[in-house]
Amino acid sequence: MPITLTTLRDCKKRGEKFAMITCYDTIFAQTMNAAGVECLLVGDSLGMVLQGHSSTLPVTMQDMIYHTQ
């Protein structure tokens, strides 16, 4: 069963806990998927981790899309 925003919202309403792991690119996503991780978070922190910025401010949505294609 796919996990959607509705799924996560419903879990929160019921007080159920869920785990989410930060994923920075496609290679991480493939590895985490193979390990059975159900929920991945792609965030602007990739700007600091992968692009070497000192903050997340320069990161655009296009940057995040590029790293996850």
Foldseek 3Di string as FASTA:
>chain_A
DACDPVNVVVCVVVVHDDDEEEDDAQVSVVVCVVVPRRHYDYDLCNCCVPVVDPDSVVDDVVNSVVRYD
